[in-house]
Amino acid sequence: MSRLPAYPPRTAYSAFVARPDLKGGGSAGTRATTALRTAGVEFVVHSYEHDPAAPSYGIEAAQALGIPPERVFKTLIVDTGAGLAVGIVPVDRQLDLKAIAQALRAKRTDLAAAAAAQRATGYVLGGISPFGQTKTLPTVLDASAAEHATILVSAGRRGLDVELAPADLVSVCRATVAPIARTR
């Protein structure tokens, strides 16, 4: 298990460490945090006041939490033609559809329709977490995650993120790591 760095209290978010030996892990329980607790992964939950008018949920999270955007990752659902898959990239970058197709060994990929993404994951757009999804989907994490001791991804609802070691994300999601992000 990775040791997460301690953060000083901030007014922009509340955080708590959820350890596998603590029941419930706090009041911010979602299917994602339940999946992480079940897997025995150490993580920190960060919450912030979500603005429905925000043009980018990921950038909003990074700004609200005071975390560099290259450490905050968004979870995107792609359609390979043969099924859906998950791509996880930094919020300040875009998913490279050709690169994720190559990582998934698919001829091509397109972003999945919103309704299909929500149905497959059980989450709403802007709150899709790689953990606790309705269906287990092939997952690819951008290689840039390895540059950081911890990264943040959605905890299963808008305004709630989990921070964990990239290796723990890979382990829980059985993810492939590949360079799938490109600059905007």
C-alpha atoms as a PDB file:
ATOM      1  CA  MET A   1       0.000   0.000   0.000  1.00  0.00           C
ATOM      2  CA  SER A   2       1.292   3.456  -0.884  1.00  0.00           C
ATOM      3  CA  ARG A   3       1.623   6.190   1.705  1.00  0.00           C
ATOM      4  CA  LEU A   4      -0.226   9.331   0.711  1.00  0.00           C
ATOM      5  CA  PRO A   5       1.248  12.720   1.531  1.00  0.00           C
ATOM      6  CA  ALA A   6      -0.450  14.734   4.260  1.00  0.00           C
ATOM      7  CA  TYR A   7      -2.095  17.924   3.059  1.00  0.00           C
ATOM      8  CA  PRO A   8      -2.691  20.959   5.237  1.00  0.00           C
ATOM      9  CA  PRO A   9      -6.353  21.793   5.808  1.00  0.00           C
ATOM     10  CA  ARG A  10      -7.809  24.039   3.110  1.00  0.00           C
ATOM     11  CA  THR A  11     -11.073  25.862   2.986  1.00  0.00           C
ATOM     12  CA  ALA A  12     -11.667  24.835  -0.643  1.00  0.00           C
ATOM     13  CA  TYR A  13     -12.038  21.147   0.166  1.00  0.00           C
ATOM     14  CA  SER A  14     -12.390  18.670   2.923  1.00  0.00           C
ATOM     15  CA  ALA A  15     -10.262  15.572   2.942  1.00  0.00           C
ATOM     16  CA  PHE A  16     -10.072  12.389   4.921  1.00  0.00           C
ATOM     17  CA  VAL A  17      -8.014   9.266   4.609  1.00  0.00           C
ATOM     18  CA  ALA A  18     -10.126   6.186   4.161  1.00  0.00           C
ATOM     19  CA  ARG A  19      -8.351   3.139   5.445  1.00  0.00           C
ATOM     20  CA  PRO A  20      -9.608  -0.397   4.863  1.00  0.00           C
ATOM     21  CA  ASP A  21      -9.908  -0.926   8.634  1.00  0.00           C
ATOM     22  CA  LEU A  22     -12.300   2.014   9.042  1.00  0.00           C
ATOM     23  CA  LYS A  23     -15.926   1.212   8.418  1.00  0.00           C
ATOM     24  CA  GLY A  24     -17.682   3.602   6.098  1.00  0.00           C
ATOM     25  CA  GLY A  25     -14.619   5.762   5.429  1.00  0.00           C
ATOM     26  CA  GLY A  26     -16.604   8.923   6.126  1.00  0.00           C
ATOM     27  CA  SER A  27     -19.809  10.480   4.900  1.00  0.00           C
ATOM     28  CA  ALA A  28     -18.788  10.776   1.235  1.00  0.00           C
ATOM     29  CA  GLY A  29     -19.382   7.110   0.379  1.00  0.00           C
ATOM     30  CA  THR A  30     -20.016   6.239  -3.252  1.00  0.00           C
ATOM     31  CA  ARG A  31     -19.721   3.009  -5.230  1.00  0.00           C
ATOM     32  CA  ALA A  32     -16.207   4.195  -6.144  1.00  0.00           C
ATOM     33  CA  THR A  33     -15.053   4.667  -2.549  1.00  0.00           C
ATOM     34  CA  THR A  34     -16.699   1.391  -1.574  1.00  0.00           C
ATOM     35  CA  ALA A  35     -14.774  -0.391  -4.345  1.00  0.00           C
ATOM     36  CA  LEU A  36     -11.510   1.163  -3.151  1.00  0.00           C
ATOM     37  CA  ARG A  37     -12.171   0.209   0.484  1.00  0.00           C
ATOM     38  CA  THR A  38     -13.041  -3.327  -0.592  1.00  0.00           C
ATOM     39  CA  ALA A  39      -9.772  -3.512  -2.545  1.00  0.00           C
ATOM     40  CA  GLY A  40      -7.854  -2.368   0.542  1.00  0.00           C
ATOM     41  CA  VAL A  41      -6.473   0.707  -1.205  1.00  0.00           C
ATOM     42  CA  GLU A  42      -5.413   3.791   0.717  1.00  0.00           C
ATOM     43  CA  PHE A  43      -6.981   6.955  -0.676  1.00  0.00           C
ATOM     44  CA  VAL A  44      -7.977  10.486   0.251  1.00  0.00           C
ATOM     45  CA  VAL A  45     -11.356  11.951  -0.637  1.00  0.00           C
ATOM     46  CA  HIS A  46     -11.453  15.610  -1.685  1.00  0.00           C
ATOM     47  CA  SER A  47     -14.752  17.446  -1.972  1.00  0.00           C
ATOM     48  CA  TYR A  48     -15.518  20.868  -3.362  1.00  0.00           C
ATOM     49  CA  GLU A  49     -18.557  22.931  -4.255  1.00  0.00           C
ATOM     50  CA  HIS A  50     -19.429  21.990  -7.844  1.00  0.00           C
ATOM     51  CA  ASP A  51     -20.629  24.771 -10.157  1.00  0.00           C
ATOM     52  CA  PRO A  52     -23.067  23.343 -12.752  1.00  0.00           C
ATOM     53  CA  ALA A  53     -22.126  26.199 -15.096  1.00  0.00           C
ATOM     54  CA  ALA A  54     -18.426  25.255 -15.122  1.00  0.00           C
ATOM     55  CA  PRO A  55     -17.253  24.766 -18.737  1.00  0.00           C
ATOM     56  CA  SER A  56     -14.873  21.929 -17.738  1.00  0.00           C
ATOM     57  CA  TYR A  57     -15.610  19.730 -14.723  1.00  0.00           C
ATOM     58  CA  GLY A  58     -11.995  18.545 -14.559  1.00  0.00           C
ATOM     59  CA  ILE A  59     -10.417  21.992 -14.663  1.00  0.00           C
ATOM     60  CA  GLU A  60     -13.020  23.141 -12.131  1.00  0.00           C
ATOM     61  CA  ALA A  61     -11.909  20.341  -9.772  1.00  0.00           C
ATOM     62  CA  ALA A  62      -8.221  21.201 -10.141  1.00  0.00           C
ATOM     63  CA  GLN A  63      -8.855  24.898  -9.485  1.00  0.00           C
ATOM     64  CA  ALA A  64     -11.247  24.336  -6.584  1.00  0.00           C
ATOM     65  CA  LEU A  65      -8.870  21.898  -4.905  1.00  0.00           C
ATOM     66  CA  GLY A  66      -5.704  23.874  -5.640  1.00  0.00           C
ATOM     67  CA  ILE A  67      -4.123  20.831  -7.302  1.00  0.00           C
ATOM     68  CA  PRO A  68      -2.070  21.159 -10.517  1.00  0.00           C
ATOM     69  CA  PRO A  69      -4.262  20.049 -13.462  1.00  0.00           C
ATOM     70  CA  GLU A  70      -1.667  17.525 -14.630  1.00  0.00           C
ATOM     71  CA  ARG A  71      -2.393  15.548 -11.401  1.00  0.00           C
ATOM     72  CA  VAL A  72      -6.186  15.597 -11.820  1.00  0.00           C
ATOM     73  CA  PHE A  73      -7.394  12.986 -14.305  1.00  0.00           C
ATOM     74  CA  LYS A  74     -10.708  12.675 -16.130  1.00  0.00           C
ATOM     75  CA  THR A  75     -12.400   9.395 -16.934  1.00  0.00           C
ATOM     76  CA  LEU A  76     -13.694   9.163 -20.501  1.00  0.00           C
ATOM     77  CA  ILE A  77     -15.660   6.354 -22.116  1.00  0.00           C
ATOM     78  CA  VAL A  78     -14.844   5.332 -25.666  1.00  0.00           C
ATOM     79  CA  ASP A  79     -16.594   3.084 -28.155  1.00  0.00           C
ATOM     80  CA  THR A  80     -14.328   0.681 -30.029  1.00  0.00           C
ATOM     81  CA  GLY A  81     -17.078  -0.638 -32.276  1.00  0.00           C
ATOM     82  CA  ALA A  82     -16.775  -3.946 -30.425  1.00  0.00           C
ATOM     83  CA  GLY A  83     -17.636  -2.470 -27.023  1.00  0.00           C
ATOM     84  CA  LEU A  84     -16.905   0.325 -24.607  1.00  0.00           C
ATOM     85  CA  ALA A  85     -13.635   1.066 -22.808  1.00  0.00           C
ATOM     86  CA  VAL A  86     -12.253   3.637 -20.382  1.00  0.00           C
ATOM     87  CA  GLY A  87      -9.520   6.208 -21.022  1.00  0.00           C
ATOM     88  CA  ILE A  88      -8.095   8.188 -18.096  1.00  0.00           C
ATOM     89  CA  VAL A  89      -6.128  11.343 -18.970  1.00  0.00           C
ATOM     90  CA  PRO A  90      -5.099  14.597 -17.238  1.00  0.00           C
ATOM     91  CA  VAL A  91      -7.839  17.223 -17.262  1.00  0.00           C
ATOM     92  CA  ASP A  92      -5.624  19.737 -19.059  1.00  0.00           C
ATOM     93  CA  ARG A  93      -5.099  17.375 -21.999  1.00  0.00           C
ATOM     94  CA  GLN A  94      -7.295  15.576 -24.532  1.00  0.00           C
ATOM     95  CA  LEU A  95      -7.740  11.895 -25.144  1.00  0.00           C
ATOM     96  CA  ASP A  96      -5.891  10.833 -28.295  1.00  0.00           C
ATOM     97  CA  LEU A  97      -8.430   8.515 -29.941  1.00  0.00           C
ATOM     98  CA  LYS A  98      -5.825   6.910 -32.220  1.00  0.00           C
ATOM     99  CA  ALA A  99      -3.497   6.222 -29.296  1.00  0.00           C
ATOM    100  CA  ILE A 100      -6.194   4.633 -27.141  1.00  0.00           C
ATOM    101  CA  ALA A 101      -7.359   2.547 -30.109  1.00  0.00           C
ATOM    102  CA  GLN A 102      -3.797   1.270 -30.450  1.00  0.00           C
ATOM    103  CA  ALA A 103      -3.560   0.546 -26.708  1.00  0.00           C
ATOM    104  CA  LEU A 104      -6.869  -1.358 -26.868  1.00  0.00           C
ATOM    105  CA  ARG A 105      -5.858  -3.098 -30.111  1.00  0.00           C
ATOM    106  CA  ALA A 106      -8.942  -1.713 -31.805  1.00  0.00           C
ATOM    107  CA  LYS A 107      -9.134  -0.397 -35.358  1.00  0.00           C
ATOM    108  CA  ARG A 108     -10.526   2.902 -34.106  1.00  0.00           C
ATOM    109  CA  THR A 109     -12.304   4.533 -31.211  1.00  0.00           C
ATOM    110  CA  ASP A 110     -14.787   7.338 -30.795  1.00  0.00           C
ATOM    111  CA  LEU A 111     -16.047   8.991 -27.649  1.00  0.00           C
ATOM    112  CA  ALA A 112     -19.081   7.025 -26.485  1.00  0.00           C
ATOM    113  CA  ALA A 113     -22.496   8.641 -26.553  1.00  0.00           C
ATOM    114  CA  ALA A 114     -23.374  10.233 -23.213  1.00  0.00           C
ATOM    115  CA  ALA A 115     -26.302   7.878 -22.618  1.00  0.00           C
ATOM    116  CA  ALA A 116     -24.151   4.804 -23.349  1.00  0.00           C
ATOM    117  CA  ALA A 117     -21.373   6.053 -21.038  1.00  0.00           C
ATOM    118  CA  GLN A 118     -23.815   6.717 -18.204  1.00  0.00           C
ATOM    119  CA  ARG A 119     -25.603   3.386 -18.689  1.00  0.00           C
ATOM    120  CA  ALA A 120     -22.362   1.360 -18.758  1.00  0.00           C
ATOM    121  CA  THR A 121     -20.785   3.068 -15.752  1.00  0.00           C
ATOM    122  CA  GLY A 122     -23.807   3.925 -13.625  1.00  0.00           C
ATOM    123  CA  TYR A 123     -22.445   7.450 -13.186  1.00  0.00           C
ATOM    124  CA  VAL A 124     -23.450  10.841 -14.605  1.00  0.00           C
ATOM    125  CA  LEU A 125     -21.146  12.771 -16.938  1.00  0.00           C
ATOM    126  CA  GLY A 126     -18.685  14.816 -14.943  1.00  0.00           C
ATOM    127  CA  GLY A 127     -18.825  12.240 -12.168  1.00  0.00           C
ATOM    128  CA  ILE A 128     -17.717   9.081 -13.959  1.00  0.00           C
ATOM    129  CA  SER A 129     -15.211   7.223 -11.814  1.00  0.00           C
ATOM    130  CA  PRO A 130     -12.964   4.412 -12.990  1.00  0.00           C
ATOM    131  CA  PHE A 131     -14.003   2.522  -9.820  1.00  0.00           C
ATOM    132  CA  GLY A 132     -17.305   0.849  -9.005  1.00  0.00           C
ATOM    133  CA  GLN A 133     -18.702   0.999 -12.517  1.00  0.00           C
ATOM    134  CA  THR A 134     -21.820  -0.993 -13.404  1.00  0.00           C
ATOM    135  CA  LYS A 135     -19.879  -2.968 -16.021  1.00  0.00           C
ATOM    136  CA  THR A 136     -16.191  -3.843 -15.928  1.00  0.00           C
ATOM    137  CA  LEU A 137     -14.657  -2.153 -18.964  1.00  0.00           C
ATOM    138  CA  PRO A 138     -11.131  -2.365 -20.381  1.00  0.00           C
ATOM    139  CA  THR A 139      -9.235   0.599 -18.950  1.00  0.00           C
ATOM    140  CA  VAL A 140      -6.201   2.560 -20.149  1.00  0.00           C
ATOM    141  CA  LEU A 141      -4.427   5.083 -17.912  1.00  0.00           C
ATOM    142  CA  ASP A 142      -2.262   7.737 -19.526  1.00  0.00           C
ATOM    143  CA  ALA A 143       1.435   7.093 -18.942  1.00  0.00           C
ATOM    144  CA  SER A 144       1.914  10.595 -17.487  1.00  0.00           C
ATOM    145  CA  ALA A 145       0.283   9.349 -14.264  1.00  0.00           C
ATOM    146  CA  ALA A 146       3.556   7.590 -13.401  1.00  0.00           C
ATOM    147  CA  GLU A 147       5.219  11.022 -13.061  1.00  0.00           C
ATOM    148  CA  HIS A 148       3.240  11.668  -9.857  1.00  0.00           C
ATOM    149  CA  ALA A 149       3.206  10.002  -6.443  1.00  0.00           C
ATOM    150  CA  THR A 150      -0.581  10.440  -6.375  1.00  0.00           C
ATOM    151  CA  ILE A 151      -3.276  11.464  -8.826  1.00  0.00           C
ATOM    152  CA  LEU A 152      -6.913  12.442  -8.441  1.00  0.00           C
ATOM    153  CA  VAL A 153      -9.887  10.946 -10.284  1.00  0.00           C
ATOM    154  CA  SER A 154     -13.628  11.261  -9.805  1.00  0.00           C
ATOM    155  CA  ALA A 155     -15.046   9.540  -6.745  1.00  0.00           C
ATOM    156  CA  GLY A 156     -18.356   8.933  -8.479  1.00  0.00           C
ATOM    157  CA  ARG A 157     -20.121  12.258  -8.356  1.00  0.00           C
ATOM    158  CA  ARG A 158     -19.506  15.837  -9.351  1.00  0.00           C
ATOM    159  CA  GLY A 159     -17.653  17.722  -6.639  1.00  0.00           C
ATOM    160  CA  LEU A 160     -15.943  14.634  -5.221  1.00  0.00           C
ATOM    161  CA  ASP A 161     -12.514  13.228  -6.159  1.00  0.00           C
ATOM    162  CA  VAL A 162     -10.280  10.512  -4.755  1.00  0.00           C
ATOM    163  CA  GLU A 163      -6.528  10.789  -4.535  1.00  0.00           C
ATOM    164  CA  LEU A 164      -4.468   7.621  -4.743  1.00  0.00           C
ATOM    165  CA  ALA A 165      -1.249   6.189  -6.079  1.00  0.00           C
ATOM    166  CA  PRO A 166      -1.344   5.521  -9.839  1.00  0.00           C
ATOM    167  CA  ALA A 167      -0.183   1.936  -9.203  1.00  0.00           C
ATOM    168  CA  ASP A 168      -3.255   1.379  -7.022  1.00  0.00           C
ATOM    169  CA  LEU A 169      -5.537   2.649  -9.805  1.00  0.00           C
ATOM    170  CA  VAL A 170      -3.846   0.278 -12.248  1.00  0.00           C
ATOM    171  CA  SER A 171      -4.219  -2.624  -9.838  1.00  0.00           C
ATOM    172  CA  VAL A 172      -7.886  -2.045  -8.941  1.00  0.00           C
ATOM    173  CA  CYS A 173      -8.979  -1.352 -12.537  1.00  0.00           C
ATOM    174  CA  ARG A 174      -6.615  -3.912 -14.087  1.00  0.00           C
ATOM    175  CA  ALA A 175      -5.637  -1.017 -16.332  1.00  0.00           C
ATOM    176  CA  THR A 176      -3.125  -0.825 -19.122  1.00  0.00           C
ATOM    177  CA  VAL A 177      -0.734   2.129 -19.021  1.00  0.00           C
ATOM    178  CA  ALA A 178      -0.003   3.845 -22.337  1.00  0.00           C
ATOM    179  CA  PRO A 179       0.581   7.367 -23.701  1.00  0.00           C
ATOM    180  CA  ILE A 180      -3.024   8.213 -24.666  1.00  0.00           C
ATOM    181  CA  ALA A 181      -3.167  11.974 -23.946  1.00  0.00           C
ATOM    182  CA  ARG A 182      -2.323  14.859 -26.232  1.00  0.00           C
ATOM    183  CA  THR A 183      -2.127  18.581 -25.598  1.00  0.00           C
ATOM    184  CA  ARG A 184      -5.149  20.655 -26.444  1.00  0.00           C
END
